[in-house]
Amino acid sequence: QITELKLRAEELGISKIEAGPGGGVLVFSEQPQLDPAAIVRLIQEQPKIYRLDGQQKLRFKRELGEAQARVAAVEQLLDTLAPPRAA
């Protein structure tokens, strides 16, 4: 599951993921393949949870107790940030 998450993150241009009990951070590569509007929406709609730290990092604050909850939260975040797929 962790390997799948890393591969998916790599496809989206995320070079590093850190997730702990209180939240985490995604570090973007030089050319991330993310939906910029999704990032803006997250920050505008949930400013107490999500914030940009410079141009390369998206930080999030959430209670994520067990490892499985962390994996699920990161998977959901990657789904949200992925660009819309062409039909």
N, C-alpha and C. Protein backbone atom coordinates (compact mmCIF):
# COMPACT_ATOMS: atom_id res chain seq x y z
N GLN A 1 0.82 -1.19 0.00
CA GLN A 1 0.00 0.00 0.00
C GLN A 1 0.87 1.26 0.00
N ILE A 2 1.93 1.24 0.79
CA ILE A 2 2.84 2.38 0.84
C ILE A 2 3.54 2.55 -0.51
N THR A 3 3.94 1.44 -1.12
CA THR A 3 4.60 1.51 -2.42
C THR A 3 3.67 2.09 -3.48
N GLU A 4 2.40 1.67 -3.47
CA GLU A 4 1.43 2.22 -4.42
C GLU A 4 1.27 3.72 -4.21
N LEU A 5 1.24 4.12 -2.96
CA LEU A 5 1.10 5.54 -2.63
C LEU A 5 2.29 6.34 -3.15
N LYS A 6 3.49 5.80 -2.97
CA LYS A 6 4.70 6.48 -3.44
C LYS A 6 4.71 6.60 -4.96
N LEU A 7 4.30 5.52 -5.65
CA LEU A 7 4.26 5.55 -7.11
C LEU A 7 3.24 6.58 -7.61
N ARG A 8 2.09 6.61 -6.97
CA ARG A 8 1.07 7.58 -7.36
C ARG A 8 1.56 9.00 -7.12
N ALA A 9 2.19 9.23 -5.98
CA ALA A 9 2.72 10.56 -5.67
C ALA A 9 3.77 10.97 -6.69
N GLU A 10 4.62 10.03 -7.07
CA GLU A 10 5.66 10.31 -8.06
C GLU A 10 5.04 10.72 -9.40
N GLU A 11 3.96 10.04 -9.81
CA GLU A 11 3.27 10.38 -11.05
C GLU A 11 2.73 11.82 -11.01
N LEU A 12 2.31 12.25 -9.82
CA LEU A 12 1.73 13.59 -9.67
C LEU A 12 2.80 14.67 -9.45
N GLY A 13 4.05 14.25 -9.35
CA GLY A 13 5.11 15.23 -9.14
C GLY A 13 5.28 15.62 -7.69
N ILE A 14 5.00 14.69 -6.81
CA ILE A 14 5.21 14.90 -5.37
C ILE A 14 6.45 14.10 -5.00
N SER A 15 7.47 14.81 -4.52
CA SER A 15 8.75 14.15 -4.27
C SER A 15 8.87 13.57 -2.86
N LYS A 16 8.03 14.04 -1.95
CA LYS A 16 8.14 13.55 -0.57
C LYS A 16 6.79 13.68 0.12
N ILE A 17 6.47 12.68 0.94
CA ILE A 17 5.26 12.70 1.76
C ILE A 17 5.68 12.40 3.19
N GLU A 18 5.23 13.23 4.10
CA GLU A 18 5.42 12.96 5.52
C GLU A 18 4.05 13.02 6.17
N ALA A 19 3.71 12.04 6.97
CA ALA A 19 2.43 12.05 7.68
C ALA A 19 2.63 11.47 9.06
N GLY A 20 2.20 12.22 10.06
CA GLY A 20 2.32 11.79 11.44
C GLY A 20 0.98 11.90 12.14
N PRO A 21 0.96 11.69 13.44
CA PRO A 21 -0.30 11.71 14.19
C PRO A 21 -1.06 13.04 14.10
N GLY A 22 -0.36 14.15 13.89
CA GLY A 22 -1.02 15.46 13.87
C GLY A 22 -1.13 16.09 12.49
N GLY A 23 -0.76 15.36 11.43
CA GLY A 23 -0.83 15.92 10.09
C GLY A 23 0.40 15.58 9.29
N GLY A 24 0.71 16.42 8.30
CA GLY A 24 1.86 16.11 7.47
C GLY A 24 2.13 17.16 6.43
N VAL A 25 2.97 16.77 5.46
CA VAL A 25 3.37 17.69 4.41
C VAL A 25 3.61 16.91 3.12
N LEU A 26 3.23 17.54 2.00
CA LEU A 26 3.58 17.04 0.68
C LEU A 26 4.59 18.00 0.09
N VAL A 27 5.68 17.49 -0.44
CA VAL A 27 6.70 18.33 -1.07
C VAL A 27 6.62 18.09 -2.57
N PHE A 28 6.41 19.18 -3.31
CA PHE A 28 6.26 19.10 -4.76
C PHE A 28 7.61 19.13 -5.46
N SER A 29 7.69 18.45 -6.61
CA SER A 29 8.88 18.52 -7.45
C SER A 29 8.82 19.83 -8.24
N GLU A 30 9.78 20.03 -9.12
CA GLU A 30 9.84 21.26 -9.92
C GLU A 30 8.63 21.41 -10.85
N GLN A 31 8.14 20.31 -11.39
CA GLN A 31 7.04 20.33 -12.35
C GLN A 31 5.90 19.41 -11.88
N PRO A 32 5.19 19.77 -10.81
CA PRO A 32 4.13 18.88 -10.33
C PRO A 32 2.97 18.80 -11.33
N GLN A 33 2.38 17.64 -11.40
CA GLN A 33 1.25 17.40 -12.31
C GLN A 33 -0.05 17.43 -11.50
N LEU A 34 -0.28 18.52 -10.81
CA LEU A 34 -1.43 18.66 -9.93
C LEU A 34 -2.42 19.66 -10.49
N ASP A 35 -3.63 19.63 -9.97
CA ASP A 35 -4.66 20.58 -10.35
C ASP A 35 -4.50 21.81 -9.45
N PRO A 36 -3.98 22.93 -9.97
CA PRO A 36 -3.77 24.11 -9.14
C PRO A 36 -5.05 24.62 -8.51
N ALA A 37 -6.16 24.50 -9.22
CA ALA A 37 -7.44 24.96 -8.68
C ALA A 37 -7.83 24.14 -7.45
N ALA A 38 -7.49 22.85 -7.44
CA ALA A 38 -7.80 21.99 -6.29
C ALA A 38 -7.01 22.44 -5.06
N ILE A 39 -5.76 22.82 -5.26
CA ILE A 39 -4.94 23.31 -4.14
C ILE A 39 -5.55 24.59 -3.57
N VAL A 40 -5.91 25.51 -4.45
CA VAL A 40 -6.50 26.77 -4.02
C VAL A 40 -7.80 26.51 -3.27
N ARG A 41 -8.64 25.61 -3.80
CA ARG A 41 -9.92 25.29 -3.15
C ARG A 41 -9.70 24.74 -1.75
N LEU A 42 -8.77 23.81 -1.60
CA LEU A 42 -8.49 23.23 -0.29
C LEU A 42 -8.12 24.31 0.72
N ILE A 43 -7.24 25.19 0.31
CA ILE A 43 -6.75 26.23 1.22
C ILE A 43 -7.86 27.23 1.54
N GLN A 44 -8.67 27.59 0.56
CA GLN A 44 -9.75 28.55 0.80
C GLN A 44 -10.88 27.95 1.63
N GLU A 45 -11.23 26.70 1.37
CA GLU A 45 -12.36 26.08 2.06
C GLU A 45 -11.99 25.54 3.43
N GLN A 46 -10.72 25.19 3.63
CA GLN A 46 -10.31 24.61 4.91
C GLN A 46 -8.96 25.20 5.36
N PRO A 47 -8.92 26.51 5.60
CA PRO A 47 -7.65 27.16 5.92
C PRO A 47 -7.03 26.71 7.25
N LYS A 48 -7.82 26.15 8.13
CA LYS A 48 -7.26 25.67 9.40
C LYS A 48 -6.58 24.32 9.24
N ILE A 49 -6.86 23.65 8.13
CA ILE A 49 -6.27 22.33 7.88
C ILE A 49 -5.12 22.41 6.88
N TYR A 50 -5.33 23.15 5.78
CA TYR A 50 -4.34 23.18 4.69
C TYR A 50 -3.71 24.55 4.54
N ARG A 51 -2.39 24.55 4.26
CA ARG A 51 -1.70 25.81 3.95
C ARG A 51 -0.45 25.50 3.15
N LEU A 52 -0.10 26.46 2.28
CA LEU A 52 1.14 26.34 1.53
C LEU A 52 2.28 26.86 2.37
N ASP A 53 3.40 26.18 2.28
CA ASP A 53 4.63 26.61 2.95
C ASP A 53 5.62 26.86 1.83
N GLY A 54 5.65 28.09 1.33
CA GLY A 54 6.43 28.40 0.14
C GLY A 54 5.69 27.84 -1.08
N GLN A 55 6.40 27.65 -2.16
CA GLN A 55 5.76 27.14 -3.38
C GLN A 55 5.88 25.62 -3.50
N GLN A 56 6.69 25.02 -2.67
CA GLN A 56 6.98 23.59 -2.83
C GLN A 56 6.29 22.68 -1.82
N LYS A 57 5.64 23.23 -0.79
CA LYS A 57 5.09 22.36 0.26
C LYS A 57 3.64 22.70 0.57
N LEU A 58 2.85 21.65 0.71
CA LEU A 58 1.48 21.77 1.19
C LEU A 58 1.42 21.07 2.54
N ARG A 59 1.12 21.84 3.58
CA ARG A 59 1.03 21.27 4.93
C ARG A 59 -0.43 21.04 5.28
N PHE A 60 -0.68 19.99 6.06
CA PHE A 60 -2.04 19.73 6.52
C PHE A 60 -2.01 19.30 7.98
N LYS A 61 -3.01 19.78 8.73
CA LYS A 61 -3.15 19.45 10.15
C LYS A 61 -4.42 18.65 10.33
N ARG A 62 -4.28 17.41 10.75
CA ARG A 62 -5.41 16.53 11.03
C ARG A 62 -4.99 15.51 12.05
N GLU A 63 -5.93 15.07 12.84
CA GLU A 63 -5.65 13.97 13.77
C GLU A 63 -5.62 12.67 12.97
N LEU A 64 -4.46 12.07 12.91
CA LEU A 64 -4.27 10.83 12.15
C LEU A 64 -3.57 9.82 13.05
N GLY A 65 -4.33 9.15 13.88
CA GLY A 65 -3.77 8.25 14.87
C GLY A 65 -2.92 7.12 14.31
N GLU A 66 -3.57 6.13 13.74
CA GLU A 66 -2.87 4.93 13.30
C GLU A 66 -2.32 5.09 11.88
N ALA A 67 -1.38 4.23 11.55
CA ALA A 67 -0.75 4.27 10.23
C ALA A 67 -1.78 4.14 9.12
N GLN A 68 -2.78 3.29 9.29
CA GLN A 68 -3.80 3.10 8.26
C GLN A 68 -4.59 4.38 8.01
N ALA A 69 -4.86 5.14 9.07
CA ALA A 69 -5.57 6.41 8.92
C ALA A 69 -4.71 7.41 8.15
N ARG A 70 -3.42 7.38 8.36
CA ARG A 70 -2.50 8.27 7.64
C ARG A 70 -2.48 7.94 6.16
N VAL A 71 -2.39 6.65 5.85
CA VAL A 71 -2.37 6.22 4.45
C VAL A 71 -3.67 6.64 3.76
N ALA A 72 -4.80 6.41 4.42
CA ALA A 72 -6.10 6.76 3.85
C ALA A 72 -6.20 8.26 3.62
N ALA A 73 -5.72 9.05 4.56
CA ALA A 73 -5.79 10.51 4.43
C ALA A 73 -4.92 10.99 3.26
N VAL A 74 -3.74 10.43 3.10
CA VAL A 74 -2.86 10.82 2.00
C VAL A 74 -3.46 10.38 0.67
N GLU A 75 -4.04 9.17 0.62
CA GLU A 75 -4.69 8.72 -0.61
C GLU A 75 -5.80 9.67 -1.02
N GLN A 76 -6.61 10.08 -0.06
CA GLN A 76 -7.72 10.99 -0.33
C GLN A 76 -7.19 12.34 -0.82
N LEU A 77 -6.12 12.82 -0.20
CA LEU A 77 -5.53 14.09 -0.61
C LEU A 77 -4.98 14.00 -2.04
N LEU A 78 -4.32 12.91 -2.37
CA LEU A 78 -3.81 12.73 -3.73
C LEU A 78 -4.96 12.69 -4.75
N ASP A 79 -6.05 12.02 -4.39
CA ASP A 79 -7.22 11.99 -5.26
C ASP A 79 -7.74 13.41 -5.52
N THR A 80 -7.78 14.20 -4.47
CA THR A 80 -8.27 15.58 -4.58
C THR A 80 -7.37 16.44 -5.44
N LEU A 81 -6.06 16.25 -5.33
CA LEU A 81 -5.09 17.10 -6.03
C LEU A 81 -4.83 16.65 -7.47
N ALA A 82 -5.19 15.43 -7.81
CA ALA A 82 -4.92 14.93 -9.15
C ALA A 82 -5.69 15.75 -10.18
N PRO A 83 -5.06 16.02 -11.32
CA PRO A 83 -5.76 16.77 -12.37
C PRO A 83 -6.94 15.96 -12.88
N PRO A 84 -7.98 16.64 -13.35
CA PRO A 84 -9.13 15.91 -13.92
C PRO A 84 -8.68 15.06 -15.09
N ARG A 85 -9.21 13.88 -15.18
CA ARG A 85 -8.85 12.97 -16.28
C ARG A 85 -9.68 13.31 -17.51
N ALA A 86 -9.03 13.25 -18.66
CA ALA A 86 -9.73 13.51 -19.92
C ALA A 86 -10.69 12.36 -20.20
N ALA A 87 -11.85 12.68 -20.71
CA ALA A 87 -12.86 11.64 -20.98
C ALA A 87 -12.60 10.98 -22.32
